[in-house]
Amino acid sequence: MTRTVGDEVVLTADTIVCIDGLILGKPETRAHAIEMLQMLSGRVHQVITGVCLLYKGRYNNFYDLTEVLFRKLSDAEISNYVDKYQPLDKAGSYGIQELIGLIGIERIEGSYTNVVGLPTQKVYAQLRSLSK
């Protein structure tokens, strides 16, 4: 079924994690998730979410960047998280709102909601500007 977009707003977004020039998307396996979390452990990384809004035939693209510091995580903490949560559907293998974020993140600089996966403050500001 093909449908045209009228006055609706279409929003798309995707998030990546970056460390040492590497882009970490979603892990492919349990072992890959553990490897990613070990790489992030005790270090600062960047979480970047790209957003695109389509409204009345016009595209508005923007992004947000947040820096995140993990404390040093033990192998047991990482394995427990990977086994009990769903890291395979998350960039960088973690959700800030889940156990690993609650116990492992020492500091963030920037938007919390960006790390969750959608920078709501920036999205709201852009949506407000569409109505002007």
N, C-alpha and C. Protein backbone atom coordinates (compact mmCIF):
# COMPACT_ATOMS: atom_id res chain seq x y z
N MET A 1 0.84 -1.17 0.00
CA MET A 1 0.00 0.00 0.00
C MET A 1 0.89 1.24 0.00
N THR A 2 0.71 2.09 -0.94
CA THR A 2 1.45 3.34 -1.03
C THR A 2 0.60 4.46 -0.45
N ARG A 3 1.25 5.29 0.31
CA ARG A 3 0.53 6.39 0.94
C ARG A 3 1.37 7.65 0.85
N THR A 4 0.76 8.74 0.55
CA THR A 4 1.50 10.01 0.52
C THR A 4 1.39 10.67 1.88
N VAL A 5 2.39 11.46 2.18
CA VAL A 5 2.43 12.18 3.44
C VAL A 5 1.88 13.57 3.20
N GLY A 6 0.87 13.92 3.94
CA GLY A 6 0.28 15.26 3.83
C GLY A 6 0.89 16.19 4.85
N ASP A 7 0.11 16.57 5.83
CA ASP A 7 0.59 17.47 6.87
C ASP A 7 1.15 16.74 8.08
N GLU A 8 1.25 15.41 7.99
CA GLU A 8 1.82 14.66 9.11
C GLU A 8 3.31 14.93 9.20
N VAL A 9 3.82 14.77 10.38
CA VAL A 9 5.26 14.84 10.60
C VAL A 9 5.77 13.41 10.64
N VAL A 10 6.81 13.14 9.87
CA VAL A 10 7.47 11.84 9.90
C VAL A 10 8.82 12.03 10.58
N LEU A 11 9.08 11.24 11.61
CA LEU A 11 10.31 11.35 12.37
C LEU A 11 11.05 10.03 12.28
N THR A 12 12.32 10.07 11.94
CA THR A 12 13.18 8.89 11.97
C THR A 12 14.42 9.24 12.78
N ALA A 13 15.00 8.23 13.42
CA ALA A 13 16.21 8.46 14.21
C ALA A 13 16.98 7.15 14.34
N ASP A 14 18.28 7.28 14.48
CA ASP A 14 19.12 6.12 14.76
C ASP A 14 20.30 6.58 15.59
N THR A 15 20.80 5.68 16.44
CA THR A 15 21.83 6.00 17.40
C THR A 15 23.04 5.10 17.20
N ILE A 16 24.23 5.70 17.36
CA ILE A 16 25.47 4.93 17.34
C ILE A 16 26.30 5.31 18.57
N VAL A 17 27.24 4.45 18.89
CA VAL A 17 28.20 4.70 19.95
C VAL A 17 29.58 4.75 19.29
N CYS A 18 30.40 5.73 19.68
CA CYS A 18 31.74 5.87 19.09
C CYS A 18 32.79 5.86 20.19
N ILE A 19 33.87 5.13 19.95
CA ILE A 19 35.01 5.12 20.85
C ILE A 19 36.27 4.88 20.03
N ASP A 20 37.27 5.67 20.26
CA ASP A 20 38.56 5.53 19.55
C ASP A 20 38.39 5.52 18.03
N GLY A 21 37.45 6.30 17.52
CA GLY A 21 37.23 6.35 16.08
C GLY A 21 36.45 5.17 15.52
N LEU A 22 36.03 4.25 16.37
CA LEU A 22 35.23 3.10 15.94
C LEU A 22 33.76 3.40 16.17
N ILE A 23 32.94 2.97 15.25
CA ILE A 23 31.49 3.10 15.39
C ILE A 23 30.94 1.77 15.87
N LEU A 24 30.26 1.79 17.00
CA LEU A 24 29.64 0.59 17.55
C LEU A 24 28.13 0.69 17.33
N GLY A 25 27.63 -0.14 16.49
CA GLY A 25 26.19 -0.23 16.30
C GLY A 25 25.63 -1.27 17.26
N LYS A 26 24.70 -2.05 16.78
CA LYS A 26 24.12 -3.13 17.58
C LYS A 26 25.01 -4.37 17.46
N PRO A 27 25.25 -5.05 18.56
CA PRO A 27 26.07 -6.26 18.50
C PRO A 27 25.34 -7.39 17.78
N GLU A 28 26.11 -8.27 17.19
CA GLU A 28 25.52 -9.38 16.44
C GLU A 28 25.31 -10.63 17.29
N THR A 29 26.13 -10.80 18.31
CA THR A 29 26.08 -12.00 19.15
C THR A 29 26.30 -11.63 20.61
N ARG A 30 26.09 -12.59 21.48
CA ARG A 30 26.38 -12.40 22.91
C ARG A 30 27.85 -12.02 23.09
N ALA A 31 28.74 -12.76 22.44
CA ALA A 31 30.18 -12.50 22.56
C ALA A 31 30.53 -11.10 22.06
N HIS A 32 29.89 -10.67 21.01
CA HIS A 32 30.12 -9.33 20.47
C HIS A 32 29.65 -8.27 21.47
N ALA A 33 28.52 -8.51 22.13
CA ALA A 33 28.01 -7.57 23.15
C ALA A 33 28.99 -7.47 24.31
N ILE A 34 29.51 -8.59 24.75
CA ILE A 34 30.50 -8.59 25.85
C ILE A 34 31.75 -7.83 25.43
N GLU A 35 32.21 -8.07 24.21
CA GLU A 35 33.40 -7.37 23.69
C GLU A 35 33.19 -5.86 23.68
N MET A 36 32.01 -5.42 23.23
CA MET A 36 31.73 -3.97 23.20
C MET A 36 31.73 -3.39 24.61
N LEU A 37 31.07 -4.05 25.55
CA LEU A 37 30.99 -3.52 26.91
C LEU A 37 32.36 -3.51 27.57
N GLN A 38 33.19 -4.49 27.29
CA GLN A 38 34.56 -4.47 27.81
C GLN A 38 35.34 -3.31 27.23
N MET A 39 35.11 -2.99 25.97
CA MET A 39 35.77 -1.86 25.33
C MET A 39 35.35 -0.53 25.97
N LEU A 40 34.07 -0.42 26.36
CA LEU A 40 33.55 0.81 26.95
C LEU A 40 33.89 0.95 28.43
N SER A 41 34.14 -0.16 29.08
CA SER A 41 34.39 -0.19 30.52
C SER A 41 35.56 0.70 30.92
N GLY A 42 35.31 1.59 31.88
CA GLY A 42 36.36 2.46 32.40
C GLY A 42 36.75 3.61 31.49
N ARG A 43 35.95 3.86 30.46
CA ARG A 43 36.34 4.84 29.45
C ARG A 43 35.19 5.77 29.08
N VAL A 44 35.56 6.86 28.42
CA VAL A 44 34.57 7.81 27.87
C VAL A 44 34.30 7.42 26.43
N HIS A 45 33.02 7.51 26.04
CA HIS A 45 32.64 7.30 24.65
C HIS A 45 31.56 8.32 24.29
N GLN A 46 31.27 8.41 23.01
CA GLN A 46 30.25 9.33 22.53
C GLN A 46 29.04 8.55 22.03
N VAL A 47 27.87 9.08 22.33
CA VAL A 47 26.62 8.55 21.81
C VAL A 47 26.05 9.62 20.88
N ILE A 48 25.81 9.24 19.63
CA ILE A 48 25.32 10.19 18.63
C ILE A 48 24.02 9.66 18.05
N THR A 49 23.00 10.50 18.08
CA THR A 49 21.72 10.15 17.47
C THR A 49 21.45 11.12 16.34
N GLY A 50 21.25 10.58 15.15
CA GLY A 50 20.86 11.37 14.00
C GLY A 50 19.35 11.33 13.87
N VAL A 51 18.75 12.47 13.59
CA VAL A 51 17.30 12.59 13.49
C VAL A 51 16.95 13.27 12.17
N CYS A 52 15.88 12.79 11.55
CA CYS A 52 15.35 13.44 10.35
C CYS A 52 13.85 13.64 10.53
N LEU A 53 13.42 14.87 10.32
CA LEU A 53 11.99 15.20 10.33
C LEU A 53 11.58 15.53 8.89
N LEU A 54 10.46 14.98 8.46
CA LEU A 54 9.87 15.30 7.17
C LEU A 54 8.54 15.97 7.44
N TYR A 55 8.36 17.17 6.90
CA TYR A 55 7.11 17.89 7.10
C TYR A 55 6.85 18.74 5.86
N LYS A 56 5.71 18.50 5.26
CA LYS A 56 5.28 19.24 4.06
C LYS A 56 6.37 19.24 2.98
N GLY A 57 6.95 18.08 2.77
CA GLY A 57 7.93 17.92 1.71
C GLY A 57 9.32 18.43 2.01
N ARG A 58 9.54 18.93 3.22
CA ARG A 58 10.86 19.45 3.60
C ARG A 58 11.49 18.56 4.65
N TYR A 59 12.77 18.31 4.47
CA TYR A 59 13.54 17.51 5.42
C TYR A 59 14.32 18.42 6.35
N ASN A 60 14.35 18.06 7.61
CA ASN A 60 15.14 18.76 8.61
C ASN A 60 15.99 17.71 9.32
N ASN A 61 17.28 17.72 9.06
CA ASN A 61 18.20 16.75 9.65
C ASN A 61 19.04 17.41 10.73
N PHE A 62 19.23 16.71 11.84
CA PHE A 62 20.09 17.21 12.91
C PHE A 62 20.56 16.03 13.74
N TYR A 63 21.47 16.28 14.65
CA TYR A 63 21.97 15.22 15.52
C TYR A 63 22.24 15.78 16.91
N ASP A 64 22.43 14.87 17.85
CA ASP A 64 22.86 15.23 19.19
C ASP A 64 24.01 14.32 19.58
N LEU A 65 24.92 14.84 20.39
CA LEU A 65 26.07 14.07 20.84
C LEU A 65 26.18 14.20 22.35
N THR A 66 26.33 13.07 23.01
CA THR A 66 26.48 13.02 24.47
C THR A 66 27.73 12.21 24.79
N GLU A 67 28.52 12.69 25.73
CA GLU A 67 29.68 11.93 26.19
C GLU A 67 29.29 11.17 27.45
N VAL A 68 29.71 9.91 27.50
CA VAL A 68 29.35 9.01 28.60
C VAL A 68 30.62 8.39 29.16
N LEU A 69 30.73 8.36 30.49
CA LEU A 69 31.85 7.70 31.16
C LEU A 69 31.33 6.51 31.94
N PHE A 70 31.82 5.33 31.59
CA PHE A 70 31.55 4.12 32.37
C PHE A 70 32.65 3.96 33.40
N ARG A 71 32.29 3.53 34.59
CA ARG A 71 33.31 3.11 35.54
C ARG A 71 33.84 1.76 35.05
N LYS A 72 34.89 1.26 35.64
CA LYS A 72 35.43 -0.04 35.27
C LYS A 72 34.42 -1.11 35.70
N LEU A 73 33.93 -1.88 34.73
CA LEU A 73 32.95 -2.93 34.99
C LEU A 73 33.66 -4.28 35.12
N SER A 74 33.18 -5.10 36.03
CA SER A 74 33.76 -6.44 36.16
C SER A 74 33.21 -7.36 35.07
N ASP A 75 33.93 -8.41 34.79
CA ASP A 75 33.45 -9.39 33.81
C ASP A 75 32.11 -9.98 34.25
N ALA A 76 31.94 -10.19 35.56
CA ALA A 76 30.69 -10.74 36.08
C ALA A 76 29.53 -9.77 35.85
N GLU A 77 29.75 -8.47 36.06
CA GLU A 77 28.70 -7.48 35.82
C GLU A 77 28.31 -7.45 34.35
N ILE A 78 29.29 -7.50 33.49
CA ILE A 78 29.02 -7.48 32.05
C ILE A 78 28.25 -8.73 31.64
N SER A 79 28.70 -9.90 32.06
CA SER A 79 28.02 -11.16 31.71
C SER A 79 26.60 -11.19 32.24
N ASN A 80 26.42 -10.75 33.48
CA ASN A 80 25.08 -10.71 34.07
C ASN A 80 24.16 -9.82 33.25
N TYR A 81 24.64 -8.65 32.88
CA TYR A 81 23.83 -7.74 32.09
C TYR A 81 23.47 -8.35 30.73
N VAL A 82 24.45 -8.89 30.05
CA VAL A 82 24.22 -9.46 28.72
C VAL A 82 23.24 -10.62 28.79
N ASP A 83 23.31 -11.41 29.85
CA ASP A 83 22.43 -12.58 29.98
C ASP A 83 21.02 -12.24 30.43
N LYS A 84 20.84 -11.15 31.15
CA LYS A 84 19.52 -10.84 31.72
C LYS A 84 18.77 -9.73 31.00
N TYR A 85 19.45 -8.98 30.15
CA TYR A 85 18.81 -7.88 29.43
C TYR A 85 18.91 -8.15 27.93
N GLN A 86 18.63 -7.18 27.12
CA GLN A 86 18.61 -7.38 25.67
C GLN A 86 19.59 -6.44 24.97
N PRO A 87 20.89 -6.72 25.10
CA PRO A 87 21.87 -5.81 24.52
C PRO A 87 21.96 -5.90 22.99
N LEU A 88 21.40 -6.94 22.40
CA LEU A 88 21.54 -7.11 20.95
C LEU A 88 20.72 -6.11 20.15
N ASP A 89 19.81 -5.40 20.81
CA ASP A 89 19.02 -4.41 20.08
C ASP A 89 19.42 -2.98 20.42
N LYS A 90 20.64 -2.81 20.96
CA LYS A 90 21.07 -1.49 21.39
C LYS A 90 22.47 -1.16 20.87
N ALA A 91 22.62 0.04 20.37
CA ALA A 91 23.94 0.50 19.94
C ALA A 91 24.89 0.47 21.14
N GLY A 92 26.08 -0.06 20.95
CA GLY A 92 27.04 -0.15 22.04
C GLY A 92 26.73 -1.21 23.05
N SER A 93 25.66 -1.96 22.84
CA SER A 93 25.28 -3.11 23.69
C SER A 93 24.67 -2.74 25.04
N TYR A 94 24.26 -1.47 25.23
CA TYR A 94 23.68 -1.15 26.53
C TYR A 94 22.56 -0.14 26.42
N GLY A 95 21.71 -0.16 27.43
CA GLY A 95 20.67 0.84 27.61
C GLY A 95 20.97 1.60 28.89
N ILE A 96 21.10 2.91 28.81
CA ILE A 96 21.41 3.72 29.99
C ILE A 96 20.33 3.57 31.07
N GLN A 97 19.10 3.28 30.65
CA GLN A 97 17.98 3.16 31.58
C GLN A 97 17.90 1.78 32.22
N GLU A 98 18.79 0.88 31.81
CA GLU A 98 18.78 -0.49 32.35
C GLU A 98 19.88 -0.61 33.42
N LEU A 99 20.01 -1.80 33.99
CA LEU A 99 20.92 -2.05 35.10
C LEU A 99 22.33 -1.55 34.84
N ILE A 100 22.89 -1.85 33.70
CA ILE A 100 24.29 -1.48 33.43
C ILE A 100 24.46 0.04 33.45
N GLY A 101 23.46 0.75 32.97
CA GLY A 101 23.52 2.21 33.03
C GLY A 101 23.37 2.73 34.44
N LEU A 102 22.48 2.10 35.19
CA LEU A 102 22.22 2.55 36.56
C LEU A 102 23.39 2.32 37.49
N ILE A 103 24.14 1.23 37.29
CA ILE A 103 25.27 0.93 38.18
C ILE A 103 26.62 1.29 37.58
N GLY A 104 26.69 1.46 36.26
CA GLY A 104 27.98 1.59 35.61
C GLY A 104 28.35 2.97 35.11
N ILE A 105 27.37 3.82 34.89
CA ILE A 105 27.69 5.13 34.32
C ILE A 105 28.01 6.12 35.43
N GLU A 106 29.22 6.65 35.38
CA GLU A 106 29.65 7.62 36.39
C GLU A 106 29.24 9.04 36.03
N ARG A 107 29.24 9.34 34.71
CA ARG A 107 28.97 10.72 34.32
C ARG A 107 28.50 10.77 32.87
N ILE A 108 27.61 11.70 32.59
CA ILE A 108 27.29 12.01 31.20
C ILE A 108 27.40 13.52 31.02
N GLU A 109 27.82 13.92 29.83
CA GLU A 109 27.85 15.33 29.47
C GLU A 109 26.98 15.47 28.24
N GLY A 110 25.81 16.06 28.43
CA GLY A 110 24.86 16.20 27.34
C GLY A 110 23.52 15.62 27.73
N SER A 111 22.78 15.24 26.73
CA SER A 111 21.39 14.82 26.90
C SER A 111 21.25 13.35 27.30
N TYR A 112 20.59 13.12 28.43
CA TYR A 112 20.26 11.75 28.85
C TYR A 112 19.36 11.08 27.82
N THR A 113 18.35 11.81 27.33
CA THR A 113 17.41 11.18 26.40
C THR A 113 18.07 10.84 25.07
N ASN A 114 19.14 11.54 24.73
CA ASN A 114 19.90 11.17 23.55
C ASN A 114 20.50 9.78 23.71
N VAL A 115 21.02 9.49 24.90
CA VAL A 115 21.61 8.17 25.16
C VAL A 115 20.53 7.10 25.16
N VAL A 116 19.34 7.44 25.61
CA VAL A 116 18.21 6.50 25.54
C VAL A 116 17.87 6.19 24.08
N GLY A 117 18.06 7.17 23.18
CA GLY A 117 17.85 6.91 21.77
C GLY A 117 17.10 7.98 21.00
N LEU A 118 16.64 9.03 21.69
CA LEU A 118 15.97 10.12 20.99
C LEU A 118 16.17 11.41 21.79
N PRO A 119 16.90 12.37 21.25
CA PRO A 119 17.15 13.62 21.98
C PRO A 119 15.89 14.48 22.03
N THR A 120 15.04 14.22 22.99
CA THR A 120 13.71 14.81 23.01
C THR A 120 13.71 16.33 23.07
N GLN A 121 14.67 16.93 23.78
CA GLN A 121 14.70 18.40 23.83
C GLN A 121 14.93 18.99 22.45
N LYS A 122 15.89 18.44 21.70
CA LYS A 122 16.17 18.95 20.36
C LYS A 122 15.01 18.65 19.41
N VAL A 123 14.41 17.47 19.55
CA VAL A 123 13.26 17.13 18.70
C VAL A 123 12.12 18.10 18.96
N TYR A 124 11.84 18.36 20.22
CA TYR A 124 10.77 19.29 20.56
C TYR A 124 11.02 20.68 19.98
N ALA A 125 12.25 21.15 20.12
CA ALA A 125 12.58 22.48 19.58
C ALA A 125 12.38 22.52 18.06
N GLN A 126 12.79 21.45 17.39
CA GLN A 126 12.63 21.41 15.93
C GLN A 126 11.15 21.32 15.55
N LEU A 127 10.38 20.55 16.29
CA LEU A 127 8.94 20.44 15.99
C LEU A 127 8.25 21.80 16.19
N ARG A 128 8.64 22.51 17.23
CA ARG A 128 8.06 23.85 17.47
C ARG A 128 8.37 24.79 16.31
N SER A 129 9.57 24.66 15.77
CA SER A 129 9.95 25.56 14.67
C SER A 129 9.18 25.25 13.39
N LEU A 130 8.67 24.04 13.26
CA LEU A 130 7.88 23.68 12.07
C LEU A 130 6.57 24.46 12.02
N SER A 131 6.03 24.79 13.16
CA SER A 131 4.73 25.46 13.19
C SER A 131 4.83 26.96 12.99
N LYS A 132 6.04 27.46 12.84
CA LYS A 132 6.19 28.92 12.66
C LYS A 132 6.19 29.30 11.21
